[in-house]
Amino acid sequence: MIDVILDRDRLDSLRSGGTIMLNESAALRVSGPGALECLQGVFTNDVVGHGSDHLIYGAFLTPKGVIITDCWVMRSSSEAILILPARSADGMLALFQRTFPPRLAQVTDLRARWSVAWLYGTAVERVLERAALGPVPSQPGATATWESAAGSLLMARGTVQAPFEALLVGETATVEAARKHAVTVCAQLGTLDDSHAARILAGWPALGNEIGERTLPQEVRFDDLKGVSHTKGCYTGQETVARLHFRGHTNKEIRGLRWYGSDPLATQTITHDGKHVGLVHSTLRLPDRTLALAMLRRAVVAGSIVTIEGREATVVPLPFSTLDIEE
């Protein structure tokens, strides 16, 4: 379980200021005459249909429809940069080598020399402009290339649902220089806790946490996060995803929990009417309350009162509302 503690000042900065951080995300490049078509056949979202210069969220699945890893795709006219959790990079490289014909698509591991910077808060655009790192693309999910004396950076504005406002990708030295300059100007230097807090507020799952070894996309809000296309045609694992979408539903789903008090949990177990109904996976502890992401049985709907270690918690829709956070 991931447990994050933030005071109100830090939370306000994360939401309405400008916070920038680097983490251990991995970057891979897929290029070649059939790069986009090869990705289209293994990715849950529509890489081809979104068009050039676009940031796309989705996942790679097993043939049975289980998530291997989630991933952001920055696509250009002929190639794509994949941004994925570092823990999944080796496995995905091996999968691509088995799956993609070399004459159509080549995958380049950029981890040794590329980094990713994530930016949070509604003031990010102003921060980047003051640091001469803009302008940020105006449309959600749009990407652009920024050129400077230190080198070029790929820049993307987050999608409407994303837990971040923007991201920067490129050579590590260039990304690091941009990060340092932004902090010097007016940005807040972020931490991994800031990143987790932002995704908890947005109701966003994390690999190895909400996304486990047997997690299906619909169990972790992939429809709500616009991480699945139901019109693009076939891709690995599509049969399970389509069957759930058109003919059924999952037995459990990620939901939000809110309770007053900020003492740490000793257990993840959630009960409702005396029965085990789910597990807590991420908590954001604020001075007066705790917000959590939990995997709950589908029957436990928003508004229900559940119990965790004797504490009563309210099940709330995701993403968390201003009322959940402040009132």
C-alpha atoms as a PDB file:
ATOM      1  CA  MET A   1       0.000   0.000   0.000  1.00  0.00           C
ATOM      2  CA  ILE A   2       1.166   3.523  -0.808  1.00  0.00           C
ATOM      3  CA  ASP A   3       0.762   6.016   2.037  1.00  0.00           C
ATOM      4  CA  VAL A   4       1.297   9.752   1.464  1.00  0.00           C
ATOM      5  CA  ILE A   5       1.216  12.575   4.032  1.00  0.00           C
ATOM      6  CA  LEU A   6       0.810  16.199   2.916  1.00  0.00           C
ATOM      7  CA  ASP A   7       0.103  19.395   4.818  1.00  0.00           C
ATOM      8  CA  ARG A   8      -2.357  21.905   3.402  1.00  0.00           C
ATOM      9  CA  ASP A   9       0.304  24.274   2.069  1.00  0.00           C
ATOM     10  CA  ARG A  10       1.949  21.488   0.098  1.00  0.00           C
ATOM     11  CA  LEU A  11      -1.427  20.309  -1.197  1.00  0.00           C
ATOM     12  CA  ASP A  12      -2.379  23.838  -2.291  1.00  0.00           C
ATOM     13  CA  SER A  13       0.940  24.216  -4.122  1.00  0.00           C
ATOM     14  CA  LEU A  14       0.446  20.863  -5.849  1.00  0.00           C
ATOM     15  CA  ARG A  15      -3.057  21.772  -7.009  1.00  0.00           C
ATOM     16  CA  SER A  16      -2.819  25.472  -7.816  1.00  0.00           C
ATOM     17  CA  GLY A  17       0.900  26.234  -8.027  1.00  0.00           C
ATOM     18  CA  GLY A  18       3.585  24.838 -10.284  1.00  0.00           C
ATOM     19  CA  THR A  19       5.421  21.674  -9.183  1.00  0.00           C
ATOM     20  CA  ILE A  20       8.016  19.855 -11.284  1.00  0.00           C
ATOM     21  CA  MET A  21       9.625  16.494 -10.566  1.00  0.00           C
ATOM     22  CA  LEU A  22      11.619  13.682 -12.156  1.00  0.00           C
ATOM     23  CA  ASN A  23      10.865  10.054 -11.397  1.00  0.00           C
ATOM     24  CA  GLU A  24      12.006   6.677 -12.684  1.00  0.00           C
ATOM     25  CA  SER A  25       9.752   6.560 -15.734  1.00  0.00           C
ATOM     26  CA  ALA A  26      11.248   4.750 -18.726  1.00  0.00           C
ATOM     27  CA  ALA A  27      11.215   6.095 -22.276  1.00  0.00           C
ATOM     28  CA  LEU A  28      11.260   3.842 -25.361  1.00  0.00           C
ATOM     29  CA  ARG A  29      11.114   4.858 -29.016  1.00  0.00           C
ATOM     30  CA  VAL A  30       9.172   2.841 -31.596  1.00  0.00           C
ATOM     31  CA  SER A  31      10.144   3.751 -35.156  1.00  0.00           C
ATOM     32  CA  GLY A  32      10.079   2.282 -38.644  1.00  0.00           C
ATOM     33  CA  PRO A  33       7.662   2.131 -41.587  1.00  0.00           C
ATOM     34  CA  GLY A  34       5.121   0.103 -39.622  1.00  0.00           C
ATOM     35  CA  ALA A  35       5.718   1.506 -36.124  1.00  0.00           C
ATOM     36  CA  LEU A  36       2.267   2.966 -35.538  1.00  0.00           C
ATOM     37  CA  GLU A  37       0.443  -0.010 -37.037  1.00  0.00           C
ATOM     38  CA  CYS A  38       2.442  -2.425 -34.862  1.00  0.00           C
ATOM     39  CA  LEU A  39       1.584  -0.441 -31.729  1.00  0.00           C
ATOM     40  CA  GLN A  40      -2.048  -0.307 -32.826  1.00  0.00           C
ATOM     41  CA  GLY A  41      -2.198  -4.100 -32.631  1.00  0.00           C
ATOM     42  CA  VAL A  42      -1.025  -4.358 -29.009  1.00  0.00           C
ATOM     43  CA  PHE A  43      -2.233  -1.129 -27.320  1.00  0.00           C
ATOM     44  CA  THR A  44      -5.693  -0.583 -25.825  1.00  0.00           C
ATOM     45  CA  ASN A  45      -6.124   2.914 -27.252  1.00  0.00           C
ATOM     46  CA  ASP A  46      -6.245   4.174 -30.831  1.00  0.00           C
ATOM     47  CA  VAL A  47      -2.683   5.185 -31.714  1.00  0.00           C
ATOM     48  CA  VAL A  48      -3.473   5.685 -35.397  1.00  0.00           C
ATOM     49  CA  GLY A  49      -6.835   7.412 -35.039  1.00  0.00           C
ATOM     50  CA  HIS A  50      -5.683  10.101 -32.603  1.00  0.00           C
ATOM     51  CA  GLY A  51      -3.428  11.595 -35.264  1.00  0.00           C
ATOM     52  CA  SER A  52       0.010  13.148 -35.061  1.00  0.00           C
ATOM     53  CA  ASP A  53       1.362  15.224 -32.165  1.00  0.00           C
ATOM     54  CA  HIS A  54      -0.859  13.649 -29.559  1.00  0.00           C
ATOM     55  CA  LEU A  55      -0.455  12.202 -26.046  1.00  0.00           C
ATOM     56  CA  ILE A  56      -2.428   8.981 -25.592  1.00  0.00           C
ATOM     57  CA  TYR A  57      -3.013   6.889 -22.457  1.00  0.00           C
ATOM     58  CA  GLY A  58      -3.596   3.151 -22.509  1.00  0.00           C
ATOM     59  CA  ALA A  59      -2.163  -0.228 -21.629  1.00  0.00           C
ATOM     60  CA  PHE A  60      -0.579  -3.363 -23.010  1.00  0.00           C
ATOM     61  CA  LEU A  61      -2.483  -6.539 -22.142  1.00  0.00           C
ATOM     62  CA  THR A  62      -1.983 -10.280 -22.036  1.00  0.00           C
ATOM     63  CA  PRO A  63      -4.074 -12.351 -24.473  1.00  0.00           C
ATOM     64  CA  LYS A  64      -6.551 -12.843 -21.592  1.00  0.00           C
ATOM     65  CA  GLY A  65      -7.015  -9.095 -21.187  1.00  0.00           C
ATOM     66  CA  VAL A  66      -4.938  -8.613 -18.022  1.00  0.00           C
ATOM     67  CA  ILE A  67      -2.879  -5.406 -17.771  1.00  0.00           C
ATOM     68  CA  ILE A  68       0.873  -5.893 -18.217  1.00  0.00           C
ATOM     69  CA  THR A  69       1.585  -2.189 -17.826  1.00  0.00           C
ATOM     70  CA  ASP A  70      -0.093   1.130 -18.384  1.00  0.00           C
ATOM     71  CA  CYS A  71       1.673   3.601 -20.684  1.00  0.00           C
ATOM     72  CA  TRP A  72       1.613   7.087 -22.194  1.00  0.00           C
ATOM     73  CA  VAL A  73       2.283   7.283 -25.931  1.00  0.00           C
ATOM     74  CA  MET A  74       3.580  10.510 -27.514  1.00  0.00           C
ATOM     75  CA  ARG A  75       3.072   9.977 -31.223  1.00  0.00           C
ATOM     76  CA  SER A  76       4.376  11.944 -34.164  1.00  0.00           C
ATOM     77  CA  SER A  77       3.620  11.422 -37.832  1.00  0.00           C
ATOM     78  CA  SER A  78       5.704   8.252 -38.109  1.00  0.00           C
ATOM     79  CA  GLU A  79       6.981   7.137 -34.689  1.00  0.00           C
ATOM     80  CA  ALA A  80       6.096   7.086 -31.005  1.00  0.00           C
ATOM     81  CA  ILE A  81       7.784   7.673 -27.658  1.00  0.00           C
ATOM     82  CA  LEU A  82       6.454   5.373 -24.946  1.00  0.00           C
ATOM     83  CA  ILE A  83       6.565   6.566 -21.330  1.00  0.00           C
ATOM     84  CA  LEU A  84       5.960   3.741 -18.894  1.00  0.00           C
ATOM     85  CA  PRO A  85       6.810   2.683 -15.337  1.00  0.00           C
ATOM     86  CA  ALA A  86      10.488   1.779 -15.075  1.00  0.00           C
ATOM     87  CA  ARG A  87       9.663  -1.604 -13.516  1.00  0.00           C
ATOM     88  CA  SER A  88       7.886  -2.720 -16.693  1.00  0.00           C
ATOM     89  CA  ALA A  89      10.438  -1.575 -19.284  1.00  0.00           C
ATOM     90  CA  ASP A  90      12.529  -4.759 -19.553  1.00  0.00           C
ATOM     91  CA  GLY A  91       9.471  -6.940 -19.957  1.00  0.00           C
ATOM     92  CA  MET A  92       7.979  -4.683 -22.599  1.00  0.00           C
ATOM     93  CA  LEU A  93      11.240  -4.585 -24.574  1.00  0.00           C
ATOM     94  CA  ALA A  94      11.263  -8.383 -24.634  1.00  0.00           C
ATOM     95  CA  LEU A  95       7.591  -8.464 -25.673  1.00  0.00           C
ATOM     96  CA  PHE A  96       8.150  -6.011 -28.522  1.00  0.00           C
ATOM     97  CA  GLN A  97      11.147  -7.988 -29.766  1.00  0.00           C
ATOM     98  CA  ARG A  98       8.954 -11.091 -29.952  1.00  0.00           C
ATOM     99  CA  THR A  99       5.964  -9.293 -31.449  1.00  0.00           C
ATOM    100  CA  PHE A 100       7.157  -6.608 -33.869  1.00  0.00           C
ATOM    101  CA  PRO A 101       8.711  -7.620 -37.222  1.00  0.00           C
ATOM    102  CA  PRO A 102      12.115  -5.797 -37.353  1.00  0.00           C
ATOM    103  CA  ARG A 103      11.522  -4.683 -40.937  1.00  0.00           C
ATOM    104  CA  LEU A 104       8.397  -2.798 -39.781  1.00  0.00           C
ATOM    105  CA  ALA A 105       9.176  -1.517 -36.288  1.00  0.00           C
ATOM    106  CA  GLN A 106      12.311  -1.080 -34.237  1.00  0.00           C
ATOM    107  CA  VAL A 107      12.281  -0.346 -30.497  1.00  0.00           C
ATOM    108  CA  THR A 108      15.067   1.771 -28.973  1.00  0.00           C
ATOM    109  CA  ASP A 109      15.711   1.786 -25.227  1.00  0.00           C
ATOM    110  CA  LEU A 110      16.225   5.439 -24.228  1.00  0.00           C
ATOM    111  CA  ARG A 111      16.597   4.893 -20.488  1.00  0.00           C
ATOM    112  CA  ALA A 112      20.349   5.454 -20.337  1.00  0.00           C
ATOM    113  CA  ARG A 113      20.174   8.966 -21.770  1.00  0.00           C
ATOM    114  CA  TRP A 114      16.560  10.244 -21.593  1.00  0.00           C
ATOM    115  CA  SER A 115      14.484  11.441 -18.646  1.00  0.00           C
ATOM    116  CA  VAL A 116      10.898  12.526 -18.026  1.00  0.00           C
ATOM    117  CA  ALA A 117       9.810  15.559 -15.970  1.00  0.00           C
ATOM    118  CA  TRP A 118       6.214  15.741 -14.714  1.00  0.00           C
ATOM    119  CA  LEU A 119       4.522  19.062 -13.948  1.00  0.00           C
ATOM    120  CA  TYR A 120       1.573  19.582 -11.597  1.00  0.00           C
ATOM    121  CA  GLY A 121      -0.691  22.492 -10.701  1.00  0.00           C
ATOM    122  CA  THR A 122      -2.815  25.012 -12.544  1.00  0.00           C
ATOM    123  CA  ALA A 123       0.031  27.565 -12.601  1.00  0.00           C
ATOM    124  CA  VAL A 124       2.315  25.301 -14.665  1.00  0.00           C
ATOM    125  CA  GLU A 125       1.786  27.241 -17.882  1.00  0.00           C
ATOM    126  CA  ARG A 126       2.835  30.495 -16.198  1.00  0.00           C
ATOM    127  CA  VAL A 127       5.857  28.793 -14.591  1.00  0.00           C
ATOM    128  CA  LEU A 128       7.077  27.385 -17.903  1.00  0.00           C
ATOM    129  CA  GLU A 129       6.625  30.676 -19.698  1.00  0.00           C
ATOM    130  CA  ARG A 130       8.610  32.518 -16.999  1.00  0.00           C
ATOM    131  CA  ALA A 131      11.317  29.888 -17.382  1.00  0.00           C
ATOM    132  CA  ALA A 132      11.255  30.368 -21.182  1.00  0.00           C
ATOM    133  CA  LEU A 133      10.150  26.755 -21.594  1.00  0.00           C
ATOM    134  CA  GLY A 134       6.888  27.378 -23.361  1.00  0.00           C
ATOM    135  CA  PRO A 135       4.417  27.912 -24.620  1.00  0.00           C
ATOM    136  CA  VAL A 136       2.654  24.775 -23.441  1.00  0.00           C
ATOM    137  CA  PRO A 137       0.378  23.289 -26.143  1.00  0.00           C
ATOM    138  CA  SER A 138      -3.068  24.796 -25.681  1.00  0.00           C
ATOM    139  CA  GLN A 139      -5.177  21.682 -26.272  1.00  0.00           C
ATOM    140  CA  PRO A 140      -5.367  18.806 -23.763  1.00  0.00           C
ATOM    141  CA  GLY A 141      -3.282  15.893 -25.013  1.00  0.00           C
ATOM    142  CA  ALA A 142      -1.395  17.979 -27.588  1.00  0.00           C
ATOM    143  CA  THR A 143       2.388  17.672 -27.979  1.00  0.00           C
ATOM    144  CA  ALA A 144       5.094  19.958 -29.356  1.00  0.00           C
ATOM    145  CA  THR A 145       8.872  20.216 -29.617  1.00  0.00           C
ATOM    146  CA  TRP A 146      10.735  22.974 -27.773  1.00  0.00           C
ATOM    147  CA  GLU A 147      14.160  23.990 -29.002  1.00  0.00           C
ATOM    148  CA  SER A 148      16.876  25.675 -26.934  1.00  0.00           C
ATOM    149  CA  ALA A 149      20.638  26.110 -26.875  1.00  0.00           C
ATOM    150  CA  ALA A 150      20.803  23.141 -24.483  1.00  0.00           C
ATOM    151  CA  GLY A 151      18.911  20.868 -26.867  1.00  0.00           C
ATOM    152  CA  SER A 152      15.355  19.902 -27.802  1.00  0.00           C
ATOM    153  CA  LEU A 153      12.566  18.703 -25.536  1.00  0.00           C
ATOM    154  CA  LEU A 154       9.274  17.013 -26.304  1.00  0.00           C
ATOM    155  CA  MET A 155       6.471  18.701 -24.389  1.00  0.00           C
ATOM    156  CA  ALA A 156       2.901  17.532 -23.855  1.00  0.00           C
ATOM    157  CA  ARG A 157      -0.111  18.975 -22.107  1.00  0.00           C
ATOM    158  CA  GLY A 158      -1.915  16.410 -19.984  1.00  0.00           C
ATOM    159  CA  THR A 159      -5.235  15.010 -21.133  1.00  0.00           C
ATOM    160  CA  VAL A 160      -8.404  16.236 -19.416  1.00  0.00           C
ATOM    161  CA  GLN A 161      -8.339  13.249 -17.054  1.00  0.00           C
ATOM    162  CA  ALA A 162      -4.563  13.138 -16.402  1.00  0.00           C
ATOM    163  CA  PRO A 163      -3.193  13.716 -12.892  1.00  0.00           C
ATOM    164  CA  PHE A 164      -0.514  16.081 -14.268  1.00  0.00           C
ATOM    165  CA  GLU A 165      -0.683  19.335 -16.222  1.00  0.00           C
ATOM    166  CA  ALA A 166       2.260  18.741 -18.568  1.00  0.00           C
ATOM    167  CA  LEU A 167       5.356  16.641 -19.123  1.00  0.00           C
ATOM    168  CA  LEU A 168       8.794  17.147 -20.656  1.00  0.00           C
ATOM    169  CA  VAL A 169      10.796  14.350 -22.305  1.00  0.00           C
ATOM    170  CA  GLY A 170      14.279  14.388 -23.789  1.00  0.00           C
ATOM    171  CA  GLU A 171      17.985  14.019 -23.176  1.00  0.00           C
ATOM    172  CA  THR A 172      18.632  13.817 -19.436  1.00  0.00           C
ATOM    173  CA  ALA A 173      20.961  16.828 -19.385  1.00  0.00           C
ATOM    174  CA  THR A 174      18.375  18.988 -21.167  1.00  0.00           C
ATOM    175  CA  VAL A 175      15.496  17.857 -18.950  1.00  0.00           C
ATOM    176  CA  GLU A 176      17.586  18.384 -15.819  1.00  0.00           C
ATOM    177  CA  ALA A 177      18.601  21.873 -16.957  1.00  0.00           C
ATOM    178  CA  ALA A 178      14.959  22.742 -17.613  1.00  0.00           C
ATOM    179  CA  ARG A 179      13.923  21.429 -14.202  1.00  0.00           C
ATOM    180  CA  LYS A 180      16.616  23.384 -12.362  1.00  0.00           C
ATOM    181  CA  HIS A 181      15.803  26.579 -14.261  1.00  0.00           C
ATOM    182  CA  ALA A 182      12.068  26.227 -13.556  1.00  0.00           C
ATOM    183  CA  VAL A 183      12.764  25.798  -9.823  1.00  0.00           C
ATOM    184  CA  THR A 184      15.089  28.803  -9.854  1.00  0.00           C
ATOM    185  CA  VAL A 185      12.377  30.936 -11.449  1.00  0.00           C
ATOM    186  CA  CYS A 186       9.334  29.968  -9.356  1.00  0.00           C
ATOM    187  CA  ALA A 187       8.484  26.248  -9.546  1.00  0.00           C
ATOM    188  CA  GLN A 188       8.199  23.968  -6.533  1.00  0.00           C
ATOM    189  CA  LEU A 189      10.575  20.986  -6.590  1.00  0.00           C
ATOM    190  CA  GLY A 190       8.366  17.923  -6.419  1.00  0.00           C
ATOM    191  CA  THR A 191       8.775  14.534  -4.754  1.00  0.00           C
ATOM    192  CA  LEU A 192       7.422  11.057  -5.359  1.00  0.00           C
ATOM    193  CA  ASP A 193       4.833  11.772  -2.633  1.00  0.00           C
ATOM    194  CA  ASP A 194       3.592  14.750  -4.672  1.00  0.00           C
ATOM    195  CA  SER A 195       3.206  12.518  -7.718  1.00  0.00           C
ATOM    196  CA  HIS A 196       1.237   9.906  -5.764  1.00  0.00           C
ATOM    197  CA  ALA A 197      -0.929  12.581  -4.126  1.00  0.00           C
ATOM    198  CA  ALA A 198      -1.849  14.000  -7.544  1.00  0.00           C
ATOM    199  CA  ARG A 199      -2.798  10.615  -8.965  1.00  0.00           C
ATOM    200  CA  ILE A 200      -4.829   9.714  -5.851  1.00  0.00           C
ATOM    201  CA  LEU A 201      -6.816  12.938  -6.182  1.00  0.00           C
ATOM    202  CA  ALA A 202      -7.378  12.160  -9.872  1.00  0.00           C
ATOM    203  CA  GLY A 203      -8.433   8.567  -9.151  1.00  0.00           C
ATOM    204  CA  TRP A 204      -5.513   7.257 -11.188  1.00  0.00           C
ATOM    205  CA  PRO A 205      -4.166   3.692 -10.690  1.00  0.00           C
ATOM    206  CA  ALA A 206      -0.481   2.820 -10.243  1.00  0.00           C
ATOM    207  CA  LEU A 207       1.245  -0.301 -11.548  1.00  0.00           C
ATOM    208  CA  GLY A 208       2.114  -2.649  -8.700  1.00  0.00           C
ATOM    209  CA  ASN A 209      -0.487  -1.039  -6.479  1.00  0.00           C
ATOM    210  CA  GLU A 210      -4.037  -0.654  -7.833  1.00  0.00           C
ATOM    211  CA  ILE A 211      -2.877  -2.470 -10.975  1.00  0.00           C
ATOM    212  CA  GLY A 212      -1.882  -5.933  -9.801  1.00  0.00           C
ATOM    213  CA  GLU A 213      -0.916  -9.148 -11.564  1.00  0.00           C
ATOM    214  CA  ARG A 214      -4.487  -9.990 -12.635  1.00  0.00           C
ATOM    215  CA  THR A 215      -6.106  -6.582 -13.083  1.00  0.00           C
ATOM    216  CA  LEU A 216      -8.471  -5.888 -15.976  1.00  0.00           C
ATOM    217  CA  PRO A 217      -8.683  -2.381 -17.518  1.00  0.00           C
ATOM    218  CA  GLN A 218     -12.293  -1.812 -16.486  1.00  0.00           C
ATOM    219  CA  GLU A 219     -11.449  -2.583 -12.860  1.00  0.00           C
ATOM    220  CA  VAL A 220      -9.205   0.501 -12.698  1.00  0.00           C
ATOM    221  CA  ARG A 221     -11.348   3.092 -14.525  1.00  0.00           C
ATOM    222  CA  PHE A 222      -9.775   2.777 -17.979  1.00  0.00           C
ATOM    223  CA  ASP A 223     -13.045   3.776 -19.644  1.00  0.00           C
ATOM    224  CA  ASP A 224     -13.273   6.898 -17.476  1.00  0.00           C
ATOM    225  CA  LEU A 225      -9.584   7.673 -18.035  1.00  0.00           C
ATOM    226  CA  LYS A 226     -10.065   7.379 -21.819  1.00  0.00           C
ATOM    227  CA  GLY A 227      -7.503   4.599 -21.907  1.00  0.00           C
ATOM    228  CA  VAL A 228      -9.483   2.192 -24.109  1.00  0.00           C
ATOM    229  CA  SER A 229     -10.896   2.468 -27.616  1.00  0.00           C
ATOM    230  CA  HIS A 230     -13.935   0.307 -28.334  1.00  0.00           C
ATOM    231  CA  THR A 231     -13.970   1.180 -32.041  1.00  0.00           C
ATOM    232  CA  LYS A 232     -10.353   0.772 -33.227  1.00  0.00           C
ATOM    233  CA  GLY A 233     -10.520  -2.938 -34.023  1.00  0.00           C
ATOM    234  CA  CYS A 234      -8.471  -5.849 -32.769  1.00  0.00           C
ATOM    235  CA  TYR A 235      -5.546  -5.727 -30.360  1.00  0.00           C
ATOM    236  CA  THR A 236      -4.050  -8.209 -27.910  1.00  0.00           C
ATOM    237  CA  GLY A 237      -6.540  -8.830 -25.077  1.00  0.00           C
ATOM    238  CA  GLN A 238      -9.355  -6.995 -26.883  1.00  0.00           C
ATOM    239  CA  GLU A 239     -11.830  -9.876 -26.666  1.00  0.00           C
ATOM    240  CA  THR A 240     -12.013  -9.739 -22.852  1.00  0.00           C
ATOM    241  CA  VAL A 241     -12.235  -5.934 -22.812  1.00  0.00           C
ATOM    242  CA  ALA A 242     -15.020  -5.916 -25.427  1.00  0.00           C
ATOM    243  CA  ARG A 243     -16.981  -8.681 -23.716  1.00  0.00           C
ATOM    244  CA  LEU A 244     -17.030  -6.768 -20.434  1.00  0.00           C
ATOM    245  CA  HIS A 245     -17.895  -3.504 -22.167  1.00  0.00           C
ATOM    246  CA  PHE A 246     -20.766  -4.744 -24.293  1.00  0.00           C
ATOM    247  CA  ARG A 247     -22.159  -7.701 -22.349  1.00  0.00           C
ATOM    248  CA  GLY A 248     -21.219  -7.520 -18.705  1.00  0.00           C
ATOM    249  CA  HIS A 249     -19.293  -5.808 -15.936  1.00  0.00           C
ATOM    250  CA  THR A 250     -16.444  -6.463 -13.533  1.00  0.00           C
ATOM    251  CA  ASN A 251     -17.064  -7.808 -10.040  1.00  0.00           C
ATOM    252  CA  LYS A 252     -14.847  -5.163  -8.444  1.00  0.00           C
ATOM    253  CA  GLU A 253     -13.794  -1.603  -9.257  1.00  0.00           C
ATOM    254  CA  ILE A 254     -11.505   1.095  -7.933  1.00  0.00           C
ATOM    255  CA  ARG A 255     -13.432   3.609  -5.818  1.00  0.00           C
ATOM    256  CA  GLY A 256     -12.679   6.597  -3.616  1.00  0.00           C
ATOM    257  CA  LEU A 257     -12.921   6.578   0.162  1.00  0.00           C
ATOM    258  CA  ARG A 258     -13.056   9.558   2.514  1.00  0.00           C
ATOM    259  CA  TRP A 259     -12.884   9.587   6.287  1.00  0.00           C
ATOM    260  CA  TYR A 260     -12.004  12.151   8.940  1.00  0.00           C
ATOM    261  CA  GLY A 261      -8.760  11.636  10.833  1.00  0.00           C
ATOM    262  CA  SER A 262      -5.238  11.000   9.603  1.00  0.00           C
ATOM    263  CA  ASP A 263      -3.891   8.121  11.653  1.00  0.00           C
ATOM    264  CA  PRO A 264      -2.081   5.483   9.564  1.00  0.00           C
ATOM    265  CA  LEU A 265      -3.752   2.206   8.672  1.00  0.00           C
ATOM    266  CA  ALA A 266      -2.378  -1.069   9.974  1.00  0.00           C
ATOM    267  CA  THR A 267      -4.487  -3.129   7.572  1.00  0.00           C
ATOM    268  CA  GLN A 268      -5.975  -2.737   4.087  1.00  0.00           C
ATOM    269  CA  THR A 269      -9.177  -4.679   4.808  1.00  0.00           C
ATOM    270  CA  ILE A 270     -12.548  -3.001   4.182  1.00  0.00           C
ATOM    271  CA  THR A 271     -15.844  -4.366   5.511  1.00  0.00           C
ATOM    272  CA  HIS A 272     -19.480  -3.518   4.801  1.00  0.00           C
ATOM    273  CA  ASP A 273     -22.357  -4.951   6.856  1.00  0.00           C
ATOM    274  CA  GLY A 274     -19.834  -7.264   8.481  1.00  0.00           C
ATOM    275  CA  LYS A 275     -18.550  -8.698   5.188  1.00  0.00           C
ATOM    276  CA  HIS A 276     -15.151  -8.285   3.521  1.00  0.00           C
ATOM    277  CA  VAL A 277     -15.715  -6.103   0.439  1.00  0.00           C
ATOM    278  CA  GLY A 278     -12.296  -4.858  -0.619  1.00  0.00           C
ATOM    279  CA  LEU A 279      -8.829  -3.496   0.077  1.00  0.00           C
ATOM    280  CA  VAL A 280      -7.290  -0.043   0.435  1.00  0.00           C
ATOM    281  CA  HIS A 281      -4.378   0.461  -1.987  1.00  0.00           C
ATOM    282  CA  SER A 282      -3.372   4.142  -1.670  1.00  0.00           C
ATOM    283  CA  THR A 283      -3.940   6.726   1.054  1.00  0.00           C
ATOM    284  CA  LEU A 284      -3.439  10.489   1.080  1.00  0.00           C
ATOM    285  CA  ARG A 285      -3.383  11.701   4.682  1.00  0.00           C
ATOM    286  CA  LEU A 286      -4.168  15.383   5.165  1.00  0.00           C
ATOM    287  CA  PRO A 287      -4.209  17.126   8.560  1.00  0.00           C
ATOM    288  CA  ASP A 288      -7.927  16.549   9.133  1.00  0.00           C
ATOM    289  CA  ARG A 289      -8.902  13.706   6.816  1.00  0.00           C
ATOM    290  CA  THR A 290      -7.774  10.796   4.668  1.00  0.00           C
ATOM    291  CA  LEU A 291      -8.580  10.179   1.013  1.00  0.00           C
ATOM    292  CA  ALA A 292      -7.973   6.702  -0.354  1.00  0.00           C
ATOM    293  CA  LEU A 293      -8.164   4.570  -3.472  1.00  0.00           C
ATOM    294  CA  ALA A 294      -9.672   1.155  -2.810  1.00  0.00           C
ATOM    295  CA  MET A 295     -10.674  -1.867  -4.835  1.00  0.00           C
ATOM    296  CA  LEU A 296     -14.277  -2.579  -3.819  1.00  0.00           C
ATOM    297  CA  ARG A 297     -16.969  -5.022  -4.803  1.00  0.00           C
ATOM    298  CA  ARG A 298     -19.206  -3.500  -7.441  1.00  0.00           C
ATOM    299  CA  ALA A 299     -22.266  -3.731  -5.166  1.00  0.00           C
ATOM    300  CA  VAL A 300     -20.748  -1.218  -2.724  1.00  0.00           C
ATOM    301  CA  VAL A 301     -21.888   1.962  -4.446  1.00  0.00           C
ATOM    302  CA  ALA A 302     -21.020   5.634  -3.931  1.00  0.00           C
ATOM    303  CA  GLY A 303     -22.593   6.930  -0.719  1.00  0.00           C
ATOM    304  CA  SER A 304     -22.173   3.632   1.117  1.00  0.00           C
ATOM    305  CA  ILE A 305     -20.531   3.651   4.545  1.00  0.00           C
ATOM    306  CA  VAL A 306     -17.783   1.065   4.959  1.00  0.00           C
ATOM    307  CA  THR A 307     -15.511   0.230   7.890  1.00  0.00           C
ATOM    308  CA  ILE A 308     -11.701   0.140   8.068  1.00  0.00           C
ATOM    309  CA  GLU A 309     -10.163  -0.747  11.442  1.00  0.00           C
ATOM    310  CA  GLY A 310     -13.287   0.490  13.194  1.00  0.00           C
ATOM    311  CA  ARG A 311     -13.345   3.788  11.277  1.00  0.00           C
ATOM    312  CA  GLU A 312     -16.314   4.695   9.154  1.00  0.00           C
ATOM    313  CA  ALA A 313     -15.467   5.817   5.613  1.00  0.00           C
ATOM    314  CA  THR A 314     -17.729   7.104   2.853  1.00  0.00           C
ATOM    315  CA  VAL A 315     -17.469   5.674  -0.651  1.00  0.00           C
ATOM    316  CA  VAL A 316     -17.215   8.593  -3.095  1.00  0.00           C
ATOM    317  CA  PRO A 317     -16.980   8.906  -6.904  1.00  0.00           C
ATOM    318  CA  LEU A 318     -13.630   9.500  -8.576  1.00  0.00           C
ATOM    319  CA  PRO A 319     -11.905  11.814  -9.157  1.00  0.00           C
ATOM    320  CA  PHE A 320     -12.200  13.345  -5.684  1.00  0.00           C
ATOM    321  CA  SER A 321     -14.252  16.541  -5.650  1.00  0.00           C
ATOM    322  CA  THR A 322     -13.338  19.868  -4.070  1.00  0.00           C
ATOM    323  CA  LEU A 323     -15.902  19.038  -1.401  1.00  0.00           C
ATOM    324  CA  ASP A 324     -14.092  15.784  -0.580  1.00  0.00           C
ATOM    325  CA  ILE A 325     -10.764  17.617  -0.325  1.00  0.00           C
ATOM    326  CA  GLU A 326     -11.684  20.843   1.438  1.00  0.00           C
ATOM    327  CA  GLU A 327     -15.059  20.745   3.183  1.00  0.00           C
END
